């Protein structure tokens, strides 16, 4: 018997093949300090594109409504995306999630950090389509939660704003207060043959950027 999870995955594949956009929003967060990298991770070149262009283009293969959350919009005008700034600047990724969801036209949304050069639109679509009655769908890869490549309902902006006002900024604590479904590697592999290590890879340090470049140069 085919699981309901696999059925949802097959539906995502059908919509992608037919070229139809998902009825969900995609939100890219580009507000980190990039202190460990030493330069803005969004603009790091990878295969003749800025990293954030790779992310935008991948999302556009399935989503037609993309929002960029940044407090420096003038630097990102070349992306031709709708941009919004944090209402709570300096409060970390929770503030970015809040701003993006508040600006979205959709109830169901994907959040993506700007330091993930190998994200998969197929995996993003799977997360969004499994939201249903949950507040959020968060992948767990290698025992690590990935709240910055996850799906969220717009309605959680109420809880997010409350926590931001109270200076309760930890995403892990925020998720514990929501109705969250955590998807493990086995769930995600039922849909995608892509390397989940690669899909959820993020670049925080120069050596991780070098690793990403080598993967691309090798055509892996």
N, C-alpha and C. Protein backbone atom coordinates (compact mmCIF):
# COMPACT_ATOMS: atom_id res chain seq x y z
N UNK A 1 0.84 -1.20 0.00
CA UNK A 1 0.00 0.00 0.00
C UNK A 1 0.88 1.25 0.00
N UNK A 2 0.59 2.18 -0.89
CA UNK A 2 1.39 3.41 -0.97
C UNK A 2 1.01 4.34 0.18
N UNK A 3 2.01 4.83 0.89
CA UNK A 3 1.75 5.72 2.02
C UNK A 3 1.21 7.05 1.52
N UNK A 4 0.49 7.75 2.42
CA UNK A 4 -0.04 9.08 2.05
C UNK A 4 1.09 10.03 1.75
N UNK A 5 2.25 9.84 2.42
CA UNK A 5 3.39 10.72 2.17
C UNK A 5 3.87 10.56 0.73
N UNK A 6 3.96 9.30 0.24
CA UNK A 6 4.41 9.07 -1.12
C UNK A 6 3.42 9.62 -2.14
N UNK A 7 2.12 9.53 -1.84
CA UNK A 7 1.11 10.08 -2.74
C UNK A 7 1.30 11.58 -2.90
N UNK A 8 1.52 12.27 -1.79
CA UNK A 8 1.76 13.71 -1.85
C UNK A 8 3.00 14.00 -2.68
N UNK A 9 4.05 13.20 -2.51
CA UNK A 9 5.28 13.40 -3.26
C UNK A 9 5.04 13.24 -4.76
N UNK A 10 4.24 12.23 -5.13
CA UNK A 10 3.93 12.02 -6.54
C UNK A 10 3.16 13.20 -7.11
N UNK A 11 2.28 13.79 -6.32
CA UNK A 11 1.52 14.95 -6.78
C UNK A 11 2.45 16.12 -7.06
N UNK A 12 3.46 16.32 -6.20
CA UNK A 12 4.42 17.40 -6.41
C UNK A 12 5.16 17.18 -7.73
N UNK A 13 5.58 15.94 -7.99
CA UNK A 13 6.28 15.64 -9.22
C UNK A 13 5.41 15.93 -10.42
N UNK A 14 4.12 15.59 -10.36
CA UNK A 14 3.20 15.84 -11.47
C UNK A 14 3.11 17.33 -11.77
N UNK A 15 2.92 18.15 -10.72
CA UNK A 15 2.80 19.59 -10.93
C UNK A 15 4.08 20.17 -11.53
N UNK A 16 5.23 19.65 -11.11
CA UNK A 16 6.49 20.17 -11.66
C UNK A 16 6.61 19.82 -13.13
N UNK A 17 6.25 18.62 -13.50
CA UNK A 17 6.35 18.21 -14.89
C UNK A 17 5.40 19.02 -15.76
N UNK A 18 4.23 19.34 -15.20
CA UNK A 18 3.25 20.09 -15.97
C UNK A 18 3.57 21.58 -16.02
N UNK A 19 4.54 22.01 -15.23
CA UNK A 19 4.96 23.41 -15.25
C UNK A 19 4.06 24.32 -14.43
N UNK A 20 3.17 23.75 -13.61
CA UNK A 20 2.27 24.56 -12.79
C UNK A 20 2.96 24.96 -11.50
N UNK A 21 2.78 26.20 -11.11
CA UNK A 21 3.36 26.66 -9.86
C UNK A 21 2.53 26.18 -8.68
N UNK A 22 3.18 26.01 -7.56
CA UNK A 22 2.49 25.59 -6.35
C UNK A 22 1.70 26.75 -5.76
N UNK A 23 0.63 26.42 -5.08
CA UNK A 23 -0.16 27.43 -4.37
C UNK A 23 0.44 27.62 -2.99
N UNK A 24 1.66 28.07 -2.98
CA UNK A 24 2.39 28.30 -1.73
C UNK A 24 3.44 29.36 -2.01
N UNK A 25 3.88 30.03 -0.97
CA UNK A 25 4.91 31.04 -1.11
C UNK A 25 6.28 30.50 -0.77
N UNK A 26 7.30 31.15 -1.30
CA UNK A 26 8.69 30.81 -0.97
C UNK A 26 9.36 32.08 -0.44
N UNK A 27 10.04 31.95 0.67
CA UNK A 27 10.64 33.10 1.35
C UNK A 27 12.12 32.82 1.58
N UNK A 28 12.96 33.70 1.06
CA UNK A 28 14.41 33.57 1.25
C UNK A 28 14.84 34.56 2.32
N UNK A 29 15.59 34.07 3.30
CA UNK A 29 16.09 34.94 4.36
C UNK A 29 17.54 35.31 4.07
N UNK A 30 17.82 36.59 4.01
CA UNK A 30 19.19 37.05 3.77
C UNK A 30 19.50 38.18 4.74
N UNK A 31 19.61 37.81 6.00
CA UNK A 31 19.81 38.85 7.00
C UNK A 31 20.91 38.55 8.00
N UNK A 32 21.62 37.43 7.80
CA UNK A 32 22.67 37.08 8.75
C UNK A 32 23.89 37.98 8.62
N UNK A 33 24.73 37.95 9.64
CA UNK A 33 25.93 38.81 9.64
C UNK A 33 27.08 38.19 8.87
N UNK A 34 27.03 36.90 8.58
CA UNK A 34 28.10 36.20 7.86
C UNK A 34 29.45 36.42 8.52
N UNK A 35 29.47 36.47 9.85
CA UNK A 35 30.71 36.79 10.56
C UNK A 35 31.77 35.70 10.39
N UNK A 36 31.36 34.44 10.37
CA UNK A 36 32.33 33.35 10.21
C UNK A 36 32.85 33.25 8.79
N UNK A 37 32.02 33.60 7.82
CA UNK A 37 32.45 33.57 6.42
C UNK A 37 33.32 34.76 6.08
N UNK A 38 33.06 35.89 6.70
CA UNK A 38 33.85 37.08 6.46
C UNK A 38 33.36 37.93 5.31
N UNK A 39 32.30 37.46 4.63
CA UNK A 39 31.69 38.21 3.53
C UNK A 39 30.25 37.74 3.39
N UNK A 40 29.43 38.48 2.69
CA UNK A 40 28.02 38.13 2.56
C UNK A 40 27.86 36.82 1.77
N UNK A 41 27.31 35.80 2.43
CA UNK A 41 27.19 34.47 1.82
C UNK A 41 26.26 34.50 0.60
N UNK A 42 25.32 35.40 0.59
CA UNK A 42 24.36 35.45 -0.51
C UNK A 42 25.03 35.74 -1.84
N UNK A 43 26.14 36.48 -1.82
CA UNK A 43 26.77 36.93 -3.06
C UNK A 43 27.97 36.08 -3.47
N UNK A 44 28.28 35.04 -2.74
CA UNK A 44 29.41 34.19 -3.10
C UNK A 44 29.16 33.56 -4.48
N UNK A 45 30.12 33.65 -5.39
CA UNK A 45 29.90 33.10 -6.74
C UNK A 45 30.03 31.58 -6.77
N UNK A 46 29.08 30.97 -7.45
CA UNK A 46 29.08 29.52 -7.65
C UNK A 46 28.60 29.24 -9.07
N UNK A 47 29.48 28.69 -9.90
CA UNK A 47 29.14 28.38 -11.29
C UNK A 47 28.55 29.59 -12.00
N UNK A 48 29.25 30.70 -11.91
CA UNK A 48 28.92 31.93 -12.63
C UNK A 48 27.62 32.59 -12.17
N UNK A 49 27.15 32.20 -11.02
CA UNK A 49 25.98 32.85 -10.43
C UNK A 49 26.28 33.16 -8.97
N UNK A 50 25.66 34.21 -8.48
CA UNK A 50 25.70 34.43 -7.04
C UNK A 50 24.90 33.33 -6.35
N UNK A 51 25.34 32.93 -5.19
CA UNK A 51 24.66 31.86 -4.46
C UNK A 51 23.15 32.10 -4.36
N UNK A 52 22.77 33.32 -4.06
CA UNK A 52 21.35 33.61 -3.89
C UNK A 52 20.59 33.53 -5.21
N UNK A 53 21.27 33.74 -6.33
CA UNK A 53 20.63 33.54 -7.63
C UNK A 53 20.32 32.07 -7.87
N UNK A 54 21.23 31.20 -7.46
CA UNK A 54 20.99 29.75 -7.57
C UNK A 54 19.73 29.37 -6.79
N UNK A 55 19.62 29.90 -5.59
CA UNK A 55 18.47 29.59 -4.74
C UNK A 55 17.19 30.11 -5.38
N UNK A 56 17.22 31.36 -5.83
CA UNK A 56 16.04 31.95 -6.49
C UNK A 56 15.61 31.12 -7.69
N UNK A 57 16.56 30.77 -8.54
CA UNK A 57 16.23 30.06 -9.77
C UNK A 57 15.67 28.67 -9.48
N UNK A 58 16.21 28.01 -8.47
CA UNK A 58 15.68 26.69 -8.10
C UNK A 58 14.25 26.80 -7.59
N UNK A 59 13.99 27.78 -6.77
CA UNK A 59 12.63 27.96 -6.25
C UNK A 59 11.65 28.34 -7.36
N UNK A 60 12.11 29.13 -8.31
CA UNK A 60 11.23 29.55 -9.41
C UNK A 60 10.78 28.38 -10.27
N UNK A 61 11.48 27.26 -10.19
CA UNK A 61 11.06 26.10 -10.98
C UNK A 61 9.77 25.50 -10.44
N UNK A 62 9.35 25.90 -9.24
CA UNK A 62 8.11 25.36 -8.68
C UNK A 62 7.20 26.43 -8.04
N UNK A 63 7.79 27.52 -7.60
CA UNK A 63 7.04 28.58 -6.93
C UNK A 63 7.08 29.86 -7.77
N UNK A 64 5.95 30.54 -7.90
CA UNK A 64 5.97 31.79 -8.66
C UNK A 64 5.87 33.01 -7.74
N UNK A 65 5.80 32.79 -6.45
CA UNK A 65 5.69 33.89 -5.49
C UNK A 65 6.85 33.77 -4.51
N UNK A 66 7.88 34.58 -4.72
CA UNK A 66 9.08 34.52 -3.89
C UNK A 66 9.31 35.87 -3.23
N UNK A 67 9.58 35.84 -1.95
CA UNK A 67 9.85 37.05 -1.18
C UNK A 67 11.27 36.95 -0.62
N UNK A 68 11.99 38.03 -0.68
CA UNK A 68 13.31 38.10 -0.06
C UNK A 68 13.23 39.00 1.16
N UNK A 69 13.66 38.49 2.30
CA UNK A 69 13.71 39.29 3.52
C UNK A 69 15.14 39.78 3.71
N UNK A 70 15.32 41.08 3.66
CA UNK A 70 16.64 41.68 3.82
C UNK A 70 16.48 43.09 4.36
N UNK A 71 17.45 43.51 5.15
CA UNK A 71 17.46 44.89 5.65
C UNK A 71 18.36 45.78 4.80
N UNK A 72 18.84 45.22 3.68
CA UNK A 72 19.65 45.99 2.73
C UNK A 72 19.10 45.78 1.32
N UNK A 73 17.87 46.18 1.07
CA UNK A 73 17.22 45.87 -0.21
C UNK A 73 17.95 46.42 -1.43
N UNK A 74 18.65 47.53 -1.29
CA UNK A 74 19.33 48.12 -2.44
C UNK A 74 20.39 47.18 -3.01
N UNK A 75 20.93 46.29 -2.21
CA UNK A 75 21.97 45.37 -2.68
C UNK A 75 21.40 44.20 -3.48
N UNK A 76 20.10 44.00 -3.38
CA UNK A 76 19.49 42.81 -3.98
C UNK A 76 18.52 43.15 -5.11
N UNK A 77 18.54 44.39 -5.57
CA UNK A 77 17.58 44.79 -6.61
C UNK A 77 17.73 43.98 -7.88
N UNK A 78 18.95 43.49 -8.17
CA UNK A 78 19.19 42.72 -9.40
C UNK A 78 18.40 41.42 -9.44
N UNK A 79 17.93 40.94 -8.29
CA UNK A 79 17.18 39.69 -8.26
C UNK A 79 15.74 39.85 -8.75
N UNK A 80 15.24 41.08 -8.79
CA UNK A 80 13.88 41.35 -9.25
C UNK A 80 12.84 40.59 -8.42
N UNK A 81 13.03 40.60 -7.11
CA UNK A 81 12.11 39.92 -6.21
C UNK A 81 11.38 40.93 -5.33
N UNK A 82 10.24 40.55 -4.84
CA UNK A 82 9.58 41.34 -3.80
C UNK A 82 10.45 41.28 -2.56
N UNK A 83 10.70 42.43 -1.94
CA UNK A 83 11.57 42.47 -0.77
C UNK A 83 10.86 43.12 0.41
N UNK A 84 11.13 42.60 1.58
CA UNK A 84 10.60 43.19 2.81
C UNK A 84 11.72 43.22 3.85
N UNK A 85 11.61 44.16 4.76
CA UNK A 85 12.59 44.27 5.84
C UNK A 85 12.00 43.76 7.15
N UNK A 86 12.88 43.40 8.06
CA UNK A 86 12.44 42.94 9.38
C UNK A 86 11.69 44.04 10.12
N UNK A 87 10.61 43.67 10.76
CA UNK A 87 9.95 44.60 11.67
C UNK A 87 10.67 44.64 13.01
N UNK A 88 11.46 43.59 13.27
CA UNK A 88 12.25 43.50 14.51
C UNK A 88 13.71 43.29 14.13
N UNK A 89 14.38 44.30 13.59
CA UNK A 89 15.76 44.14 13.12
C UNK A 89 16.70 43.75 14.26
N UNK A 90 17.67 42.92 13.90
CA UNK A 90 18.66 42.49 14.88
C UNK A 90 18.20 41.36 15.77
N UNK A 91 17.04 40.77 15.46
CA UNK A 91 16.48 39.71 16.32
C UNK A 91 16.65 38.32 15.71
N UNK A 92 17.50 38.19 14.70
CA UNK A 92 17.83 36.88 14.19
C UNK A 92 16.80 36.29 13.24
N UNK A 93 16.94 34.98 12.95
CA UNK A 93 16.08 34.35 11.94
C UNK A 93 14.60 34.34 12.28
N UNK A 94 14.24 34.35 13.55
CA UNK A 94 12.82 34.39 13.89
C UNK A 94 12.18 35.67 13.35
N UNK A 95 12.92 36.77 13.40
CA UNK A 95 12.42 38.04 12.85
C UNK A 95 12.25 37.95 11.34
N UNK A 96 13.16 37.24 10.68
CA UNK A 96 13.04 37.07 9.24
C UNK A 96 11.85 36.22 8.87
N UNK A 97 11.62 35.15 9.61
CA UNK A 97 10.46 34.30 9.38
C UNK A 97 9.18 35.11 9.55
N UNK A 98 9.12 35.89 10.60
CA UNK A 98 7.95 36.73 10.89
C UNK A 98 7.68 37.70 9.74
N UNK A 99 8.73 38.41 9.30
CA UNK A 99 8.56 39.41 8.24
C UNK A 99 8.13 38.76 6.93
N UNK A 100 8.75 37.63 6.59
CA UNK A 100 8.41 36.96 5.34
C UNK A 100 6.99 36.44 5.32
N UNK A 101 6.59 35.79 6.39
CA UNK A 101 5.23 35.24 6.46
C UNK A 101 4.19 36.35 6.45
N UNK A 102 4.47 37.44 7.12
CA UNK A 102 3.52 38.55 7.17
C UNK A 102 3.31 39.15 5.79
N UNK A 103 4.36 39.14 4.97
CA UNK A 103 4.26 39.74 3.63
C UNK A 103 3.72 38.78 2.58
N UNK A 104 3.64 37.50 2.92
CA UNK A 104 3.25 36.50 1.93
C UNK A 104 1.75 36.56 1.60
N UNK A 105 1.44 36.24 0.36
CA UNK A 105 0.04 36.17 -0.07
C UNK A 105 -0.56 34.79 0.19
N UNK A 106 0.25 33.86 0.64
CA UNK A 106 -0.19 32.47 0.81
C UNK A 106 -0.21 32.07 2.28
N UNK A 107 -1.08 31.11 2.59
CA UNK A 107 -1.13 30.56 3.94
C UNK A 107 0.03 29.60 4.18
N UNK A 108 0.41 28.84 3.14
CA UNK A 108 1.48 27.86 3.26
C UNK A 108 2.73 28.40 2.58
N UNK A 109 3.86 28.28 3.27
CA UNK A 109 5.08 28.91 2.79
C UNK A 109 6.32 28.08 3.11
N UNK A 110 7.29 28.20 2.24
CA UNK A 110 8.60 27.61 2.45
C UNK A 110 9.56 28.71 2.88
N UNK A 111 10.35 28.43 3.91
CA UNK A 111 11.41 29.33 4.35
C UNK A 111 12.74 28.71 3.94
N UNK A 112 13.63 29.53 3.35
CA UNK A 112 14.95 29.05 2.94
C UNK A 112 16.00 30.08 3.35
N UNK A 113 17.07 29.62 3.98
CA UNK A 113 18.18 30.51 4.30
C UNK A 113 19.04 30.73 3.07
N UNK A 114 19.73 31.86 3.02
CA UNK A 114 20.49 32.22 1.83
C UNK A 114 21.85 31.53 1.75
N UNK A 115 22.15 30.67 2.71
CA UNK A 115 23.46 30.00 2.69
C UNK A 115 23.37 28.54 2.29
N UNK A 116 22.27 28.16 1.58
CA UNK A 116 22.03 26.77 1.19
C UNK A 116 22.03 26.67 -0.34
N UNK A 117 23.20 26.49 -0.96
CA UNK A 117 23.29 26.57 -2.42
C UNK A 117 22.68 25.40 -3.18
N UNK A 118 22.38 24.30 -2.50
CA UNK A 118 21.91 23.11 -3.20
C UNK A 118 20.48 22.72 -2.83
N UNK A 119 19.69 23.70 -2.45
CA UNK A 119 18.31 23.37 -2.09
C UNK A 119 17.59 22.74 -3.27
N UNK A 120 16.57 21.98 -2.97
CA UNK A 120 15.79 21.28 -3.99
C UNK A 120 14.36 21.79 -3.98
N UNK A 121 13.89 22.23 -5.14
CA UNK A 121 12.50 22.67 -5.24
C UNK A 121 11.55 21.50 -4.99
N UNK A 122 11.96 20.30 -5.39
CA UNK A 122 11.12 19.13 -5.16
C UNK A 122 10.94 18.87 -3.66
N UNK A 123 12.03 18.96 -2.92
CA UNK A 123 11.93 18.77 -1.46
C UNK A 123 11.11 19.90 -0.85
N UNK A 124 11.31 21.13 -1.31
CA UNK A 124 10.53 22.27 -0.83
C UNK A 124 9.04 22.04 -1.07
N UNK A 125 8.71 21.55 -2.27
CA UNK A 125 7.32 21.29 -2.58
C UNK A 125 6.73 20.20 -1.70
N UNK A 126 7.52 19.18 -1.42
CA UNK A 126 7.08 18.10 -0.54
C UNK A 126 6.76 18.64 0.86
N UNK A 127 7.63 19.48 1.37
CA UNK A 127 7.40 20.06 2.69
C UNK A 127 6.11 20.88 2.71
N UNK A 128 5.93 21.72 1.69
CA UNK A 128 4.74 22.58 1.64
C UNK A 128 3.46 21.76 1.55
N UNK A 129 3.47 20.72 0.74
CA UNK A 129 2.26 19.93 0.53
C UNK A 129 1.91 19.04 1.73
N UNK A 130 2.85 18.84 2.62
CA UNK A 130 2.57 18.04 3.80
C UNK A 130 2.20 18.89 5.02
N UNK A 131 2.12 20.21 4.83
CA UNK A 131 1.75 21.08 5.95
C UNK A 131 0.36 20.73 6.50
N UNK A 132 -0.63 20.75 5.62
CA UNK A 132 -2.00 20.41 6.00
C UNK A 132 -2.40 21.13 7.28
N UNK A 133 -2.70 20.39 8.35
CA UNK A 133 -3.16 21.03 9.59
C UNK A 133 -2.03 21.41 10.53
N UNK A 134 -0.79 21.10 10.15
CA UNK A 134 0.34 21.42 11.02
C UNK A 134 0.71 22.90 10.93
N UNK A 135 1.33 23.40 11.99
CA UNK A 135 1.86 24.76 11.95
C UNK A 135 3.14 24.83 11.14
N UNK A 136 3.91 23.74 11.18
CA UNK A 136 5.20 23.72 10.49
C UNK A 136 5.60 22.28 10.17
N UNK A 137 6.38 22.13 9.12
CA UNK A 137 7.02 20.87 8.77
C UNK A 137 8.52 21.14 8.77
N UNK A 138 9.25 20.44 9.63
CA UNK A 138 10.68 20.69 9.78
C UNK A 138 11.46 19.40 9.49
N UNK A 139 12.37 19.42 8.54
CA UNK A 139 13.20 18.24 8.27
C UNK A 139 14.22 18.01 9.39
N UNK A 140 14.54 16.75 9.59
CA UNK A 140 15.58 16.37 10.54
C UNK A 140 16.56 15.46 9.79
N UNK A 141 17.76 15.95 9.56
CA UNK A 141 18.76 15.23 8.78
C UNK A 141 19.99 14.99 9.67
N UNK A 142 20.36 13.73 9.80
CA UNK A 142 21.51 13.40 10.64
C UNK A 142 21.30 13.83 12.08
N UNK A 143 20.06 13.79 12.53
CA UNK A 143 19.74 14.18 13.90
C UNK A 143 19.66 15.67 14.12
N UNK A 144 19.83 16.45 13.07
CA UNK A 144 19.81 17.91 13.20
C UNK A 144 18.56 18.50 12.56
N UNK A 145 17.85 19.33 13.30
CA UNK A 145 16.67 20.01 12.76
C UNK A 145 17.10 21.12 11.80
N UNK A 146 16.27 21.33 10.77
CA UNK A 146 16.56 22.38 9.79
C UNK A 146 15.37 23.33 9.69
N UNK A 147 15.20 24.20 10.67
CA UNK A 147 14.07 25.15 10.64
C UNK A 147 14.21 26.24 9.59
N UNK A 148 15.39 26.34 8.96
CA UNK A 148 15.59 27.36 7.93
C UNK A 148 15.58 26.77 6.52
N UNK A 149 15.13 25.55 6.39
CA UNK A 149 14.64 25.01 5.11
C UNK A 149 13.45 24.15 5.50
N UNK A 150 12.34 24.83 5.74
CA UNK A 150 11.16 24.19 6.33
C UNK A 150 9.91 24.91 5.84
N UNK A 151 8.76 24.31 6.13
CA UNK A 151 7.48 24.89 5.72
C UNK A 151 6.72 25.42 6.93
N UNK A 152 6.07 26.56 6.77
CA UNK A 152 5.35 27.21 7.87
C UNK A 152 4.01 27.76 7.39
N UNK A 153 3.04 27.71 8.27
CA UNK A 153 1.76 28.36 8.02
C UNK A 153 1.88 29.85 8.35
N UNK A 154 1.23 30.67 7.57
CA UNK A 154 1.24 32.12 7.80
C UNK A 154 0.72 32.48 9.19
N UNK A 155 -0.20 31.66 9.69
CA UNK A 155 -0.85 32.01 10.96
C UNK A 155 0.11 32.07 12.16
N UNK A 156 1.30 31.47 12.04
CA UNK A 156 2.20 31.45 13.19
C UNK A 156 2.86 32.80 13.45
N UNK A 157 2.57 33.79 12.58
CA UNK A 157 3.16 35.11 12.84
C UNK A 157 2.69 35.68 14.17
N UNK A 158 1.54 35.24 14.64
CA UNK A 158 1.03 35.73 15.94
C UNK A 158 1.97 35.28 17.05
N UNK A 159 2.30 33.98 17.06
CA UNK A 159 3.21 33.47 18.09
C UNK A 159 4.62 34.04 17.91
N UNK A 160 5.03 34.18 16.64
CA UNK A 160 6.37 34.72 16.39
C UNK A 160 6.50 36.15 16.91
N UNK A 161 5.49 36.97 16.65
CA UNK A 161 5.54 38.36 17.10
C UNK A 161 5.56 38.45 18.62
N UNK A 162 4.79 37.58 19.27
CA UNK A 162 4.77 37.57 20.73
C UNK A 162 6.15 37.25 21.29
N UNK A 163 6.81 36.27 20.72
CA UNK A 163 8.13 35.88 21.21
C UNK A 163 9.18 36.96 20.90
N UNK A 164 9.06 37.58 19.75
CA UNK A 164 10.01 38.65 19.42
C UNK A 164 9.89 39.81 20.41
N UNK A 165 8.67 40.14 20.77
CA UNK A 165 8.46 41.23 21.72
C UNK A 165 8.99 40.89 23.10
N UNK A 166 8.99 39.60 23.42
CA UNK A 166 9.48 39.16 24.73
C UNK A 166 10.96 38.76 24.71
N UNK A 167 11.60 38.98 23.56
CA UNK A 167 13.02 38.65 23.39
C UNK A 167 13.28 37.15 23.54
N UNK A 168 12.30 36.32 23.21
CA UNK A 168 12.47 34.87 23.22
C UNK A 168 12.74 34.44 21.78
N UNK A 169 14.01 34.38 21.41
CA UNK A 169 14.38 34.33 20.01
C UNK A 169 14.84 32.96 19.51
N UNK A 170 15.02 32.00 20.39
CA UNK A 170 15.52 30.69 19.95
C UNK A 170 14.48 29.94 19.13
N UNK A 171 14.88 29.53 17.92
CA UNK A 171 13.94 28.83 17.05
C UNK A 171 13.51 27.49 17.64
N UNK A 172 14.41 26.80 18.29
CA UNK A 172 14.06 25.51 18.89
C UNK A 172 12.94 25.66 19.90
N UNK A 173 13.03 26.69 20.74
CA UNK A 173 11.97 26.95 21.73
C UNK A 173 10.67 27.35 21.04
N UNK A 174 10.79 28.12 20.00
CA UNK A 174 9.60 28.55 19.24
C UNK A 174 8.89 27.34 18.66
N UNK A 175 9.63 26.43 18.05
CA UNK A 175 9.04 25.25 17.44
C UNK A 175 8.35 24.36 18.48
N UNK A 176 8.90 24.29 19.66
CA UNK A 176 8.32 23.45 20.70
C UNK A 176 6.94 23.94 21.12
N UNK A 177 6.64 25.19 20.84
CA UNK A 177 5.33 25.74 21.20
C UNK A 177 4.32 25.60 20.06
N UNK A 178 4.76 25.05 18.92
CA UNK A 178 3.88 24.89 17.76
C UNK A 178 3.51 23.43 17.54
N UNK A 179 2.54 23.23 16.66
CA UNK A 179 2.18 21.88 16.23
C UNK A 179 3.04 21.55 15.01
N UNK A 180 4.16 20.88 15.25
CA UNK A 180 5.17 20.64 14.22
C UNK A 180 5.24 19.16 13.87
N UNK A 181 5.35 18.89 12.59
CA UNK A 181 5.66 17.54 12.13
C UNK A 181 7.11 17.54 11.68
N UNK A 182 7.89 16.62 12.22
CA UNK A 182 9.29 16.49 11.86
C UNK A 182 9.44 15.35 10.86
N UNK A 183 10.05 15.63 9.71
CA UNK A 183 10.27 14.62 8.69
C UNK A 183 11.73 14.20 8.69
N UNK A 184 11.95 12.91 8.84
CA UNK A 184 13.30 12.38 8.85
C UNK A 184 13.79 12.02 7.46
N UNK A 185 15.00 11.53 7.40
CA UNK A 185 15.62 11.18 6.12
C UNK A 185 14.82 10.11 5.38
N UNK A 186 14.30 9.15 6.11
CA UNK A 186 13.56 8.07 5.46
C UNK A 186 12.33 8.63 4.75
N UNK A 187 11.64 9.57 5.38
CA UNK A 187 10.46 10.20 4.76
C UNK A 187 10.85 10.93 3.47
N UNK A 188 11.91 11.71 3.55
CA UNK A 188 12.29 12.53 2.42
C UNK A 188 12.86 11.71 1.27
N UNK A 189 13.56 10.62 1.60
CA UNK A 189 14.12 9.76 0.55
C UNK A 189 13.02 9.03 -0.22
N UNK A 190 11.85 8.93 0.37
CA UNK A 190 10.73 8.30 -0.34
C UNK A 190 10.35 9.12 -1.55
N UNK A 191 10.75 10.38 -1.56
CA UNK A 191 10.40 11.26 -2.68
C UNK A 191 11.57 11.58 -3.59
N UNK A 192 12.69 11.93 -3.00
CA UNK A 192 13.80 12.47 -3.78
C UNK A 192 15.01 11.55 -3.76
N UNK A 193 15.63 11.38 -4.92
CA UNK A 193 16.88 10.62 -5.02
C UNK A 193 18.09 11.51 -4.77
N UNK A 194 17.86 12.78 -4.60
CA UNK A 194 18.97 13.71 -4.37
C UNK A 194 19.64 13.42 -3.03
N UNK A 195 20.91 13.73 -2.97
CA UNK A 195 21.63 13.57 -1.71
C UNK A 195 21.10 14.56 -0.69
N UNK A 196 20.52 14.07 0.38
CA UNK A 196 19.98 14.98 1.39
C UNK A 196 21.09 15.73 2.10
N UNK A 197 22.26 15.12 2.19
CA UNK A 197 23.40 15.84 2.75
C UNK A 197 23.68 17.09 1.93
N UNK A 198 23.56 16.95 0.62
CA UNK A 198 23.80 18.08 -0.28
C UNK A 198 22.66 19.10 -0.20
N UNK A 199 21.44 18.62 -0.25
CA UNK A 199 20.27 19.52 -0.23
C UNK A 199 20.28 20.40 1.01
N UNK A 200 20.66 19.83 2.16
CA UNK A 200 20.61 20.57 3.41
C UNK A 200 21.98 21.11 3.84
N UNK A 201 22.90 21.12 2.91
CA UNK A 201 24.23 21.67 3.17
C UNK A 201 24.15 23.19 3.25
N UNK A 202 24.79 23.76 4.25
CA UNK A 202 24.85 25.22 4.32
C UNK A 202 26.28 25.69 4.51
N UNK A 203 26.55 26.90 4.05
CA UNK A 203 27.90 27.45 4.07
C UNK A 203 28.00 28.53 5.14
N UNK A 204 28.75 28.22 6.17
CA UNK A 204 28.96 29.20 7.22
C UNK A 204 30.41 29.65 7.32
N UNK A 205 31.32 28.83 6.79
CA UNK A 205 32.74 29.11 6.91
C UNK A 205 33.41 28.95 5.54
N UNK A 206 34.58 29.57 5.36
CA UNK A 206 35.26 29.51 4.06
C UNK A 206 35.49 28.09 3.56
N UNK A 207 35.83 27.17 4.44
CA UNK A 207 36.07 25.80 3.99
C UNK A 207 34.81 25.13 3.47
N UNK A 208 33.65 25.55 3.97
CA UNK A 208 32.39 25.00 3.45
C UNK A 208 32.07 25.60 2.07
N UNK A 209 32.43 26.82 1.87
CA UNK A 209 32.29 27.42 0.54
C UNK A 209 33.20 26.70 -0.45
N UNK A 210 34.43 26.41 -0.05
CA UNK A 210 35.35 25.68 -0.91
C UNK A 210 34.78 24.30 -1.26
N UNK A 211 34.15 23.66 -0.29
CA UNK A 211 33.56 22.34 -0.53
C UNK A 211 32.45 22.45 -1.57
N UNK A 212 31.62 23.48 -1.46
CA UNK A 212 30.53 23.67 -2.42
C UNK A 212 31.08 23.90 -3.83
N UNK A 213 32.13 24.70 -3.94
CA UNK A 213 32.73 24.96 -5.25
C UNK A 213 33.30 23.69 -5.86
N UNK A 214 33.93 22.88 -5.05
CA UNK A 214 34.53 21.64 -5.55
C UNK A 214 33.45 20.67 -6.02
N UNK A 215 32.33 20.61 -5.30
CA UNK A 215 31.22 19.76 -5.73
C UNK A 215 30.73 20.18 -7.12
N UNK A 216 30.59 21.49 -7.29
CA UNK A 216 30.08 22.01 -8.56
C UNK A 216 31.08 21.78 -9.69
N UNK A 217 32.35 22.05 -9.42
CA UNK A 217 33.39 21.88 -10.43
C UNK A 217 33.52 20.42 -10.85
N UNK A 218 33.28 19.50 -9.90
CA UNK A 218 33.37 18.07 -10.20
C UNK A 218 32.12 17.56 -10.89
N UNK A 219 31.08 18.40 -10.93
CA UNK A 219 29.83 17.99 -11.55
C UNK A 219 29.10 16.94 -10.75
N UNK A 220 29.37 16.89 -9.44
CA UNK A 220 28.71 15.89 -8.57
C UNK A 220 27.29 16.29 -8.29
